[in-house]
Amino acid sequence: MSRGRRGLPPWCDGPVLVLLVAAFVSGVGVFLVVPYLALHLRDGAGLSSAAVGLLLGLSYWSTRVSGLAAGALTQRWGMRRVMVFGSLLRVAGYPLLLGDSLAQVTCAVLLIGTGAGVFLPVARAALLRAVAEEHQLKAIGVRNMCANAGAALGPLAGMLVFVRGPVVLFVLAAAAFAALIPLLWRLRLPEAKGGAGTGPAYWRGAVALAGRRPVLLITAATTLLGLAVVQLESAFPLLVTSGPSVRPAGGLFLVNAALVIVAQSAVTRAVTGRGVRPVFVAGFALFAAAFVLLSAPASWWPLWLLAIGAFSVGEVAVSLWIDDRVRAQGADDATTVYGVSGVGDACGGLVGALFGAALIGGTQHSTPAADGWSGYWALAPLLMAVVLALIPLLPASARTGAPGRAAEAMTDPGAEVTAPAEPEIASGRREAPYAAPAPAGRTGADALPDHSDPLPVVRLDDFGALTKEEVRR
């Protein structure tokens, strides 16, 4: 592959660089606070573990559900303005976390969650629009690395600041998102190839899109991912932290972010070209293993490190799997698909936060974590039971990282793959391939061969099995 200026790949131009920087800064801003928010709400605001789980689940829920409106806002305002709007909401939300009333803290987490909800799906879809199809999976991997580099730096900086009080921590988080606003305002992206309309027209299209089997499967996967990933924010800090020290929680996030960065490239190579079924199952099996290992007593802390390793690799694999399935639906529908699937993610996050906190709270009232295994392992069989039930519904022949047009066909029963129309043909007819040359002296539309045989069609049966000929990648 040829290299671009300053050693960058050719697809990494100005708009892409802005989006990558935005992913990094957003990761820093979010993870300055996330590892310590549960501790602040419990120890600083005096809330119970159940109330902390409910608030963090509400934040997670608002993030994902508000993503459903991201597509409609994008149709009306454009991607750039929606990302700026999301950043403004988060700038307003972080200072409100300093309040001592439940109503103010609830308002804060809703503002922060809603800001993230409208920002994240648009930022991901913008990357797909800015990068050519053949480079999109690599671009997604690089974006995830940038976001996780920010997620690694955030907890480290937050650990140094939080011990001196939460005021500076929340102000720094607001400042990080404020710094994004002028950068995003200058962003210029390619125009969409086709619009879904605004208002009722958009929502009718969104409902139709949500009913497609590939999107339903994406939504199911993001529901399970939400149940798993929210544990890192809500349950893990409470599980590994005892007493006033916040170092275990900060260290846990730091190790997770570092492992995600290290694993990103290797996991991307490992899953590219693999069947979607084994990637799906393996990713969630790693999550389940992490939940079991984190149930170990505190004296068995090496198992906790092993658990974070399994959790991190599973997070990379499942997130990449979902991004690849969304990519297959096309860049112009990506914002809507992320928004629709975010509803399932919200439900999974809310259930996961409440269930994880309840398991930890029940254990702390019965047997201290240092003396025996906690009941937190119960999340593992719950997760894997749903994963195993979904396996028969997944496409058997689809491959991760396949070209978008072929991948879309492999995830939609009865889909047809046809050769694209030639741009030079203006007559509106579909001509047969390898047509004989036109007689000498004839030009333009008159030079077209006089036949109208349709292009050969490759039809896929039974959710992806080829019935005529192999689609070459």
Protein backbone atom coordinates (compact mmCIF):
# COMPACT_ATOMS: atom_id res chain seq x y z
CA MET A 1 0.00 0.00 0.00
CA SER A 2 1.31 3.41 -0.88
CA ARG A 3 1.92 5.79 1.95
CA GLY A 4 0.49 9.27 2.24
CA ARG A 5 2.14 12.42 3.51
CA ARG A 6 4.13 12.16 6.75
CA GLY A 7 4.04 8.37 6.52
CA LEU A 8 0.25 8.15 6.94
CA PRO A 9 -1.82 5.78 4.81
CA PRO A 10 -3.46 7.48 1.81
CA TRP A 11 -6.97 7.17 3.24
CA CYS A 12 -5.97 9.19 6.34
CA ASP A 13 -6.63 12.70 4.98
CA GLY A 14 -7.70 15.90 6.77
CA PRO A 15 -11.29 15.00 7.72
CA VAL A 16 -10.22 11.53 8.84
CA LEU A 17 -7.47 13.00 11.03
CA VAL A 18 -10.01 15.33 12.66
CA LEU A 19 -12.27 12.36 13.43
CA LEU A 20 -9.36 10.36 14.85
CA VAL A 21 -8.29 13.28 17.07
CA ALA A 22 -11.91 13.67 18.18
CA ALA A 23 -12.01 9.98 19.13
CA PHE A 24 -8.84 10.39 21.21
CA VAL A 25 -9.98 13.57 22.98
CA SER A 26 -13.40 12.08 23.62
CA GLY A 27 -11.76 9.00 25.16
CA VAL A 28 -9.68 11.18 27.47
CA GLY A 29 -12.68 13.27 28.53
CA VAL A 30 -14.96 10.31 29.22
CA PHE A 31 -12.43 8.22 31.12
CA LEU A 32 -11.20 11.06 33.25
CA VAL A 33 -14.48 10.59 35.11
CA VAL A 34 -15.93 7.14 34.43
CA PRO A 35 -13.61 5.08 36.68
CA TYR A 36 -14.30 7.35 39.65
CA LEU A 37 -17.92 8.36 39.12
CA ALA A 38 -19.32 5.32 40.94
CA LEU A 39 -16.97 5.99 43.86
CA HIS A 40 -17.89 9.70 43.94
CA LEU A 41 -21.61 8.92 43.95
CA ARG A 42 -21.23 6.30 46.68
CA ASP A 43 -18.67 7.95 48.96
CA GLY A 44 -19.05 11.64 48.10
CA ALA A 45 -22.78 11.87 47.48
CA GLY A 46 -23.61 9.13 50.01
CA LEU A 47 -25.74 7.03 47.64
CA SER A 48 -26.31 3.31 48.07
CA SER A 49 -24.82 0.73 45.68
CA ALA A 50 -28.29 0.19 44.20
CA ALA A 51 -28.76 3.93 43.59
CA VAL A 52 -25.30 4.16 42.02
CA GLY A 53 -26.11 1.25 39.73
CA LEU A 54 -29.42 2.85 38.78
CA LEU A 55 -27.81 6.23 37.97
CA LEU A 56 -25.01 4.71 35.92
CA GLY A 57 -27.47 2.45 34.17
CA LEU A 58 -29.61 5.52 33.44
CA SER A 59 -26.58 7.29 32.01
CA TYR A 60 -25.78 4.30 29.82
CA TRP A 61 -29.44 4.01 28.79
CA SER A 62 -29.73 7.69 27.86
CA THR A 63 -26.54 7.46 25.79
CA ARG A 64 -27.85 4.61 23.69
CA VAL A 65 -31.49 5.67 23.37
CA SER A 66 -30.64 9.24 22.37
CA GLY A 67 -28.57 7.75 19.58
CA LEU A 68 -31.88 6.82 17.95
CA ALA A 69 -32.43 10.52 17.25
CA ALA A 70 -28.92 11.00 15.88
CA GLY A 71 -29.94 9.96 12.38
CA ALA A 72 -32.91 12.33 12.31
CA LEU A 73 -30.78 15.20 13.60
CA THR A 74 -28.12 14.41 11.01
CA GLN A 75 -30.68 14.58 8.20
CA ARG A 76 -31.79 17.99 9.41
CA TRP A 77 -28.56 19.59 10.68
CA GLY A 78 -25.72 17.59 9.11
CA MET A 79 -23.06 15.50 10.82
CA ARG A 80 -20.83 18.39 11.85
CA ARG A 81 -23.51 20.30 13.76
CA VAL A 82 -24.78 17.16 15.51
CA MET A 83 -21.30 16.34 16.81
CA VAL A 84 -20.89 19.92 18.05
CA PHE A 85 -24.30 19.74 19.76
CA GLY A 86 -23.35 16.52 21.53
CA SER A 87 -20.13 18.10 22.79
CA LEU A 88 -22.03 21.12 24.13
CA LEU A 89 -24.37 18.89 26.12
CA ARG A 90 -21.45 17.14 27.78
CA VAL A 91 -19.74 20.45 28.57
CA ALA A 92 -22.93 21.49 30.39
CA GLY A 93 -23.36 18.16 32.21
CA TYR A 94 -20.03 17.56 33.94
CA PRO A 95 -20.11 20.57 36.32
CA LEU A 96 -23.58 19.51 37.50
CA LEU A 97 -22.07 16.33 38.96
CA LEU A 98 -20.77 18.51 41.80
CA GLY A 99 -24.30 18.94 43.12
CA ASP A 100 -25.41 17.25 46.32
CA SER A 101 -29.00 16.56 45.34
CA LEU A 102 -30.21 13.44 43.56
CA ALA A 103 -32.18 15.54 41.06
CA GLN A 104 -29.12 17.54 40.01
CA VAL A 105 -26.93 14.47 39.67
CA THR A 106 -29.65 12.76 37.62
CA CYS A 107 -29.84 15.80 35.34
CA ALA A 108 -26.06 15.71 34.96
CA VAL A 109 -25.88 12.06 33.94
CA LEU A 110 -28.75 12.56 31.48
CA LEU A 111 -27.03 15.53 29.83
CA ILE A 112 -23.73 13.68 29.59
CA GLY A 113 -25.40 10.51 28.35
CA THR A 114 -27.51 12.30 25.76
CA GLY A 115 -24.50 14.25 24.50
CA ALA A 116 -22.53 11.06 24.07
CA GLY A 117 -25.55 9.38 22.46
CA VAL A 118 -25.90 11.88 19.63
CA PHE A 119 -22.13 12.27 19.18
CA LEU A 120 -20.88 8.67 19.00
CA PRO A 121 -23.01 7.16 16.19
CA VAL A 122 -22.51 10.23 14.00
CA ALA A 123 -18.74 10.21 14.57
CA ARG A 124 -18.57 6.53 13.59
CA ALA A 125 -20.76 7.00 10.53
CA ALA A 126 -18.75 10.08 9.50
CA LEU A 127 -15.62 7.93 9.36
CA LEU A 128 -17.34 5.46 7.03
CA ARG A 129 -18.38 8.33 4.78
CA ALA A 130 -14.88 9.83 4.72
CA VAL A 131 -13.04 6.57 3.91
CA ALA A 132 -13.32 4.40 0.79
CA GLU A 133 -14.99 1.03 1.33
CA GLU A 134 -11.85 -1.07 0.90
CA HIS A 135 -10.13 0.79 3.75
CA GLN A 136 -13.07 1.08 6.17
CA LEU A 137 -12.29 -1.87 8.43
CA LYS A 138 -8.70 -0.63 8.89
CA ALA A 139 -9.99 2.88 9.59
CA ILE A 140 -12.41 1.51 12.19
CA GLY A 141 -9.54 -0.31 13.88
CA VAL A 142 -7.38 2.84 13.94
CA ARG A 143 -10.27 4.90 15.31
CA ASN A 144 -10.79 2.35 18.08
CA MET A 145 -7.08 2.51 18.90
CA CYS A 146 -7.24 6.31 19.16
CA ALA A 147 -10.33 6.15 21.38
CA ASN A 148 -8.71 3.55 23.62
CA ALA A 149 -5.46 5.51 23.81
CA GLY A 150 -7.55 8.34 25.24
CA ALA A 151 -9.28 5.84 27.50
CA ALA A 152 -5.87 4.75 28.79
CA LEU A 153 -4.66 8.29 29.47
CA GLY A 154 -7.94 9.40 31.05
CA PRO A 155 -7.91 7.10 34.11
CA LEU A 156 -4.24 7.83 34.78
CA ALA A 157 -4.84 11.58 34.76
CA GLY A 158 -8.07 11.12 36.70
CA MET A 159 -6.29 9.10 39.38
CA LEU A 160 -3.87 11.97 39.99
CA VAL A 161 -6.66 14.55 40.11
CA PHE A 162 -9.48 12.73 41.91
CA VAL A 163 -7.51 12.25 45.13
CA ARG A 164 -7.45 16.05 45.42
CA GLY A 165 -11.21 16.33 45.03
CA PRO A 166 -13.78 15.98 42.25
CA VAL A 167 -14.02 19.67 41.27
CA VAL A 168 -10.90 19.76 39.11
CA LEU A 169 -11.76 16.36 37.64
CA PHE A 170 -15.18 17.41 36.35
CA VAL A 171 -13.93 20.79 35.12
CA LEU A 172 -11.13 19.09 33.16
CA ALA A 173 -13.64 16.71 31.56
CA ALA A 174 -15.81 19.65 30.48
CA ALA A 175 -12.74 21.44 29.10
CA ALA A 176 -11.77 18.42 26.99
CA PHE A 177 -15.11 18.44 25.18
CA ALA A 178 -15.09 22.23 24.90
CA ALA A 179 -11.75 21.93 23.06
CA LEU A 180 -13.40 19.63 20.50
CA ILE A 181 -16.02 22.18 19.43
CA PRO A 182 -13.86 24.50 17.26
CA LEU A 183 -12.12 21.46 15.74
CA LEU A 184 -15.39 19.82 14.74
CA TRP A 185 -16.91 23.07 13.48
CA ARG A 186 -14.26 23.22 10.75
CA LEU A 187 -14.84 19.62 9.67
CA ARG A 188 -15.91 19.04 6.04
CA LEU A 189 -17.25 15.67 4.94
CA PRO A 190 -18.37 14.22 1.57
CA GLU A 191 -22.06 14.65 0.85
CA ALA A 192 -24.39 11.71 1.33
CA LYS A 193 -25.25 9.81 -1.86
CA GLY A 194 -28.93 9.81 -1.01
CA GLY A 195 -31.10 11.28 1.71
CA ALA A 196 -33.72 9.51 3.78
CA GLY A 197 -35.71 12.69 4.19
CA THR A 198 -36.55 14.45 7.41
CA GLY A 199 -39.40 14.28 9.89
CA PRO A 200 -41.95 11.49 9.27
CA ALA A 201 -40.18 10.32 6.11
CA TYR A 202 -36.99 9.65 8.04
CA TRP A 203 -38.76 7.79 10.83
CA ARG A 204 -40.67 5.61 8.37
CA GLY A 205 -37.37 4.65 6.78
CA ALA A 206 -35.82 4.03 10.19
CA VAL A 207 -38.66 1.70 11.19
CA ALA A 208 -38.30 -0.23 7.93
CA LEU A 209 -34.55 -0.47 8.43
CA ALA A 210 -34.95 -1.63 12.03
CA GLY A 211 -37.12 -4.53 10.89
CA ARG A 212 -34.48 -6.04 8.64
CA ARG A 213 -32.92 -9.22 9.95
CA PRO A 214 -29.30 -7.99 9.79
CA VAL A 215 -30.24 -4.92 11.85
CA LEU A 216 -32.18 -7.05 14.35
CA LEU A 217 -29.09 -9.23 14.82
CA ILE A 218 -26.89 -6.16 15.24
CA THR A 219 -29.34 -4.90 17.87
CA ALA A 220 -29.26 -8.23 19.71
CA ALA A 221 -25.45 -8.19 19.71
CA THR A 222 -25.28 -4.62 21.01
CA THR A 223 -27.77 -5.51 23.76
CA LEU A 224 -25.44 -8.22 25.00
CA LEU A 225 -22.41 -5.97 24.56
CA GLY A 226 -24.15 -3.30 26.64
CA LEU A 227 -24.84 -5.79 29.42
CA ALA A 228 -21.17 -6.77 29.43
CA VAL A 229 -19.35 -3.46 28.93
CA VAL A 230 -21.37 -1.52 31.52
CA GLN A 231 -19.83 -3.79 34.15
CA LEU A 232 -16.52 -2.01 33.64
CA GLU A 233 -18.14 1.29 34.63
CA SER A 234 -20.59 0.22 37.33
CA ALA A 235 -19.68 -3.11 38.90
CA PHE A 236 -15.92 -3.56 38.47
CA PRO A 237 -14.87 -0.45 40.48
CA LEU A 238 -17.07 -1.53 43.40
CA LEU A 239 -15.89 -5.12 43.12
CA VAL A 240 -12.14 -4.43 43.27
CA THR A 241 -12.12 -1.35 45.54
CA SER A 242 -12.32 -1.49 49.31
CA GLY A 243 -11.68 1.46 51.62
CA PRO A 244 -10.92 5.01 50.51
CA SER A 245 -8.24 4.15 47.93
CA VAL A 246 -9.23 4.69 44.27
CA ARG A 247 -6.06 3.15 42.83
CA PRO A 248 -7.55 -0.31 42.12
CA ALA A 249 -10.39 1.22 40.08
CA GLY A 250 -8.08 3.53 38.15
CA GLY A 251 -5.59 0.74 37.58
CA LEU A 252 -8.35 -1.54 36.32
CA PHE A 253 -9.39 0.98 33.65
CA LEU A 254 -5.78 1.67 32.74
CA VAL A 255 -5.02 -2.03 32.23
CA ASN A 256 -8.21 -2.48 30.21
CA ALA A 257 -7.45 0.47 27.93
CA ALA A 258 -3.82 -0.57 27.45
CA LEU A 259 -4.79 -4.14 26.57
CA VAL A 260 -7.46 -2.95 24.16
CA ILE A 261 -4.87 -0.79 22.36
CA VAL A 262 -2.35 -3.63 22.19
CA ALA A 263 -4.95 -6.20 21.11
CA GLN A 264 -6.71 -4.04 18.50
CA SER A 265 -4.36 -4.69 15.58
CA ALA A 266 -3.92 -8.39 16.34
CA VAL A 267 -7.64 -8.98 16.82
CA THR A 268 -8.43 -7.09 13.60
CA ARG A 269 -6.08 -9.37 11.68
CA ALA A 270 -7.44 -12.45 13.45
CA VAL A 271 -11.10 -11.78 12.70
CA THR A 272 -10.72 -10.50 9.13
CA GLY A 273 -11.94 -13.21 6.79
CA ARG A 274 -13.31 -15.36 9.64
CA GLY A 275 -16.90 -16.47 9.77
CA VAL A 276 -19.19 -14.18 11.71
CA ARG A 277 -20.43 -17.03 13.92
CA PRO A 278 -17.11 -18.05 15.52
CA VAL A 279 -16.06 -14.41 16.03
CA PHE A 280 -19.39 -13.65 17.70
CA VAL A 281 -19.26 -16.66 20.04
CA ALA A 282 -15.57 -16.30 20.92
CA GLY A 283 -15.94 -12.63 21.85
CA PHE A 284 -18.80 -13.21 24.27
CA ALA A 285 -17.18 -16.35 25.70
CA LEU A 286 -14.26 -14.15 26.77
CA PHE A 287 -16.68 -11.80 28.53
CA ALA A 288 -18.25 -14.75 30.37
CA ALA A 289 -14.84 -16.04 31.45
CA ALA A 290 -14.00 -12.58 32.82
CA PHE A 291 -17.15 -12.50 34.96
CA VAL A 292 -16.29 -15.86 36.49
CA LEU A 293 -12.67 -14.91 37.21
CA LEU A 294 -13.67 -11.57 38.79
CA SER A 295 -15.73 -13.52 41.32
CA ALA A 296 -12.52 -14.78 42.88
CA PRO A 297 -11.47 -13.66 46.37
CA ALA A 298 -9.28 -10.58 46.63
CA SER A 299 -6.31 -12.74 47.67
CA TRP A 300 -6.48 -14.34 44.21
CA TRP A 301 -5.84 -11.01 42.49
CA PRO A 302 -3.83 -12.55 39.59
CA LEU A 303 -7.14 -13.99 38.41
CA TRP A 304 -8.51 -10.44 38.30
CA LEU A 305 -5.69 -9.44 35.95
CA LEU A 306 -6.44 -12.47 33.78
CA ALA A 307 -10.11 -11.50 33.83
CA ILE A 308 -9.36 -7.96 32.61
CA GLY A 309 -7.27 -9.45 29.81
CA ALA A 310 -10.11 -11.69 28.67
CA PHE A 311 -12.61 -8.84 29.01
CA SER A 312 -10.45 -6.51 26.92
CA VAL A 313 -9.93 -8.94 24.04
CA GLY A 314 -13.63 -9.81 24.06
CA GLU A 315 -14.50 -6.11 23.96
CA VAL A 316 -12.29 -5.56 20.90
CA ALA A 317 -13.63 -8.61 19.07
CA VAL A 318 -17.34 -7.97 19.65
CA SER A 319 -17.09 -4.23 18.99
CA LEU A 320 -15.27 -4.88 15.71
CA TRP A 321 -17.85 -7.53 14.79
CA ILE A 322 -20.69 -5.06 15.32
CA ASP A 323 -18.91 -2.26 13.44
CA ASP A 324 -18.33 -4.61 10.52
CA ARG A 325 -22.00 -5.67 10.42
CA VAL A 326 -23.03 -1.99 10.48
CA ARG A 327 -20.52 -1.21 7.74
CA ALA A 328 -22.19 -3.84 5.58
CA GLN A 329 -25.44 -1.85 5.66
CA GLY A 330 -23.79 1.11 3.89
CA ALA A 331 -22.30 4.40 5.09
CA ASP A 332 -25.50 6.40 4.48
CA ASP A 333 -27.53 4.14 6.79
CA ALA A 334 -24.80 3.70 9.40
CA THR A 335 -25.95 6.51 11.71
CA THR A 336 -29.50 5.16 11.77
CA VAL A 337 -28.34 1.57 12.31
CA TYR A 338 -26.10 2.63 15.20
CA GLY A 339 -29.03 4.57 16.67
CA VAL A 340 -31.50 1.71 16.31
CA SER A 341 -29.11 -0.85 17.77
CA GLY A 342 -28.32 1.59 20.57
CA VAL A 343 -31.81 1.03 21.98
CA GLY A 344 -30.89 -2.60 22.63
CA ASP A 345 -27.54 -1.50 23.97
CA ALA A 346 -29.37 0.81 26.39
CA CYS A 347 -31.58 -1.98 27.68
CA GLY A 348 -28.60 -4.29 28.10
CA GLY A 349 -26.64 -1.61 29.92
CA LEU A 350 -29.47 -0.82 32.32
CA VAL A 351 -30.12 -4.48 33.12
CA GLY A 352 -26.40 -5.19 33.42
CA ALA A 353 -25.74 -2.27 35.78
CA LEU A 354 -28.63 -3.16 38.06
CA PHE A 355 -27.95 -6.90 38.03
CA GLY A 356 -24.19 -6.54 38.56
CA ALA A 357 -24.60 -4.07 41.42
CA ALA A 358 -27.25 -6.30 43.03
CA LEU A 359 -24.94 -9.33 42.88
CA ILE A 360 -22.10 -7.36 44.44
CA GLY A 361 -24.33 -5.80 47.10
CA GLY A 362 -25.75 -9.19 48.08
CA THR A 363 -22.27 -10.63 48.39
CA GLN A 364 -20.96 -7.74 50.48
CA HIS A 365 -23.81 -8.22 52.94
CA SER A 366 -23.15 -11.94 53.25
CA THR A 367 -19.52 -12.96 52.62
CA PRO A 368 -16.66 -10.48 52.19
CA ALA A 369 -14.92 -10.74 48.82
CA ALA A 370 -11.59 -11.36 50.55
CA ASP A 371 -12.91 -14.55 52.21
CA GLY A 372 -14.66 -16.33 49.34
CA TRP A 373 -15.99 -16.28 45.83
CA SER A 374 -18.75 -13.77 45.15
CA GLY A 375 -21.97 -14.50 43.32
CA TYR A 376 -20.93 -12.22 40.45
CA TRP A 377 -20.21 -15.28 38.28
CA ALA A 378 -23.97 -15.64 37.69
CA LEU A 379 -23.68 -13.12 34.85
CA ALA A 380 -21.68 -15.63 32.79
CA PRO A 381 -24.35 -18.33 32.21
CA LEU A 382 -27.00 -15.65 31.62
CA LEU A 383 -24.89 -14.10 28.87
CA MET A 384 -23.90 -17.36 27.18
CA ALA A 385 -27.43 -18.76 27.19
CA VAL A 386 -28.57 -15.86 25.00
CA VAL A 387 -25.46 -16.09 22.79
CA LEU A 388 -26.05 -19.77 22.11
CA ALA A 389 -29.71 -19.10 21.29
CA LEU A 390 -28.66 -16.54 18.65
CA ILE A 391 -26.14 -18.75 16.83
CA PRO A 392 -28.65 -20.41 14.44
CA LEU A 393 -29.86 -16.97 13.33
CA LEU A 394 -26.41 -15.76 12.29
CA PRO A 395 -25.34 -16.04 8.64
CA ALA A 396 -23.36 -19.23 8.13
CA SER A 397 -21.25 -18.12 5.17
CA ALA A 398 -20.61 -14.42 5.80
CA ARG A 399 -17.05 -13.34 6.46
CA THR A 400 -15.86 -10.48 8.65
CA GLY A 401 -14.31 -7.71 6.57
CA ALA A 402 -15.90 -8.77 3.29
CA PRO A 403 -16.63 -5.94 0.83
CA GLY A 404 -19.76 -4.12 1.89
CA ARG A 405 -21.91 -5.04 -1.12
CA ALA A 406 -21.14 -8.76 -0.79
CA ALA A 407 -21.38 -8.67 3.00
CA GLU A 408 -24.81 -7.06 2.79
CA ALA A 409 -26.02 -9.82 0.51
CA MET A 410 -24.71 -12.47 2.84
CA THR A 411 -26.74 -11.10 5.73
CA ASP A 412 -30.04 -10.69 3.91
CA PRO A 413 -31.94 -13.77 2.70
CA GLY A 414 -32.74 -13.64 -0.98
CA ALA A 415 -30.55 -10.63 -1.64
CA GLU A 416 -29.19 -10.25 -5.13
CA VAL A 417 -25.69 -9.25 -6.11
CA THR A 418 -25.58 -7.58 -9.50
CA ALA A 419 -22.84 -5.81 -11.34
CA PRO A 420 -23.05 -2.03 -10.97
CA ALA A 421 -24.34 0.00 -13.85
CA GLU A 422 -21.71 1.55 -16.08
CA PRO A 423 -21.69 5.35 -15.70
CA GLU A 424 -21.14 5.89 -19.43
CA ILE A 425 -24.48 4.29 -20.37
CA ALA A 426 -27.20 6.90 -20.63
CA SER A 427 -29.92 4.89 -22.32
CA GLY A 428 -31.27 3.42 -19.07
CA ARG A 429 -30.90 -0.18 -20.29
CA ARG A 430 -28.80 -2.80 -18.53
CA GLU A 431 -26.43 -4.26 -21.12
CA ALA A 432 -24.93 -7.72 -21.06
CA PRO A 433 -21.28 -7.93 -20.06
CA TYR A 434 -18.55 -8.45 -22.62
CA ALA A 435 -20.68 -7.01 -25.41
CA ALA A 436 -19.34 -7.01 -28.96
CA PRO A 437 -17.79 -3.74 -30.09
CA ALA A 438 -19.98 -1.31 -32.01
CA PRO A 439 -19.62 -0.97 -35.78
CA ALA A 440 -17.18 1.66 -36.95
CA GLY A 441 -18.54 5.13 -37.36
CA ARG A 442 -21.23 4.85 -34.68
CA THR A 443 -20.82 6.85 -31.50
CA GLY A 444 -22.72 7.74 -28.33
CA ALA A 445 -25.98 5.91 -27.63
CA ASP A 446 -26.07 4.59 -31.21
CA ALA A 447 -22.85 2.72 -30.56
CA LEU A 448 -24.49 0.52 -27.90
CA PRO A 449 -25.20 -3.08 -28.94
CA ASP A 450 -28.82 -3.68 -29.83
CA HIS A 451 -29.81 -6.29 -27.26
CA SER A 452 -31.34 -6.16 -23.81
CA ASP A 453 -30.39 -9.37 -22.03
CA PRO A 454 -30.24 -8.70 -18.30
CA LEU A 455 -27.07 -9.09 -16.28
CA PRO A 456 -26.58 -12.51 -14.65
CA VAL A 457 -27.89 -12.52 -11.09
CA VAL A 458 -26.29 -14.36 -8.22
CA ARG A 459 -28.99 -15.26 -5.68
CA LEU A 460 -28.27 -16.20 -2.12
CA ASP A 461 -30.45 -18.74 -0.39
CA ASP A 462 -30.85 -19.78 3.25
CA PHE A 463 -29.24 -16.67 4.66
CA GLY A 464 -26.17 -16.59 2.51
CA ALA A 465 -25.49 -19.84 0.65
CA LEU A 466 -24.45 -19.17 -2.96
CA THR A 467 -26.62 -20.96 -5.52
CA LYS A 468 -24.95 -20.04 -8.81
CA GLU A 469 -21.35 -18.96 -8.57
CA GLU A 470 -18.84 -17.81 -6.02
CA VAL A 471 -18.72 -14.08 -5.31
CA ARG A 472 -15.01 -13.32 -5.50
CA ARG A 473 -13.57 -10.82 -3.07
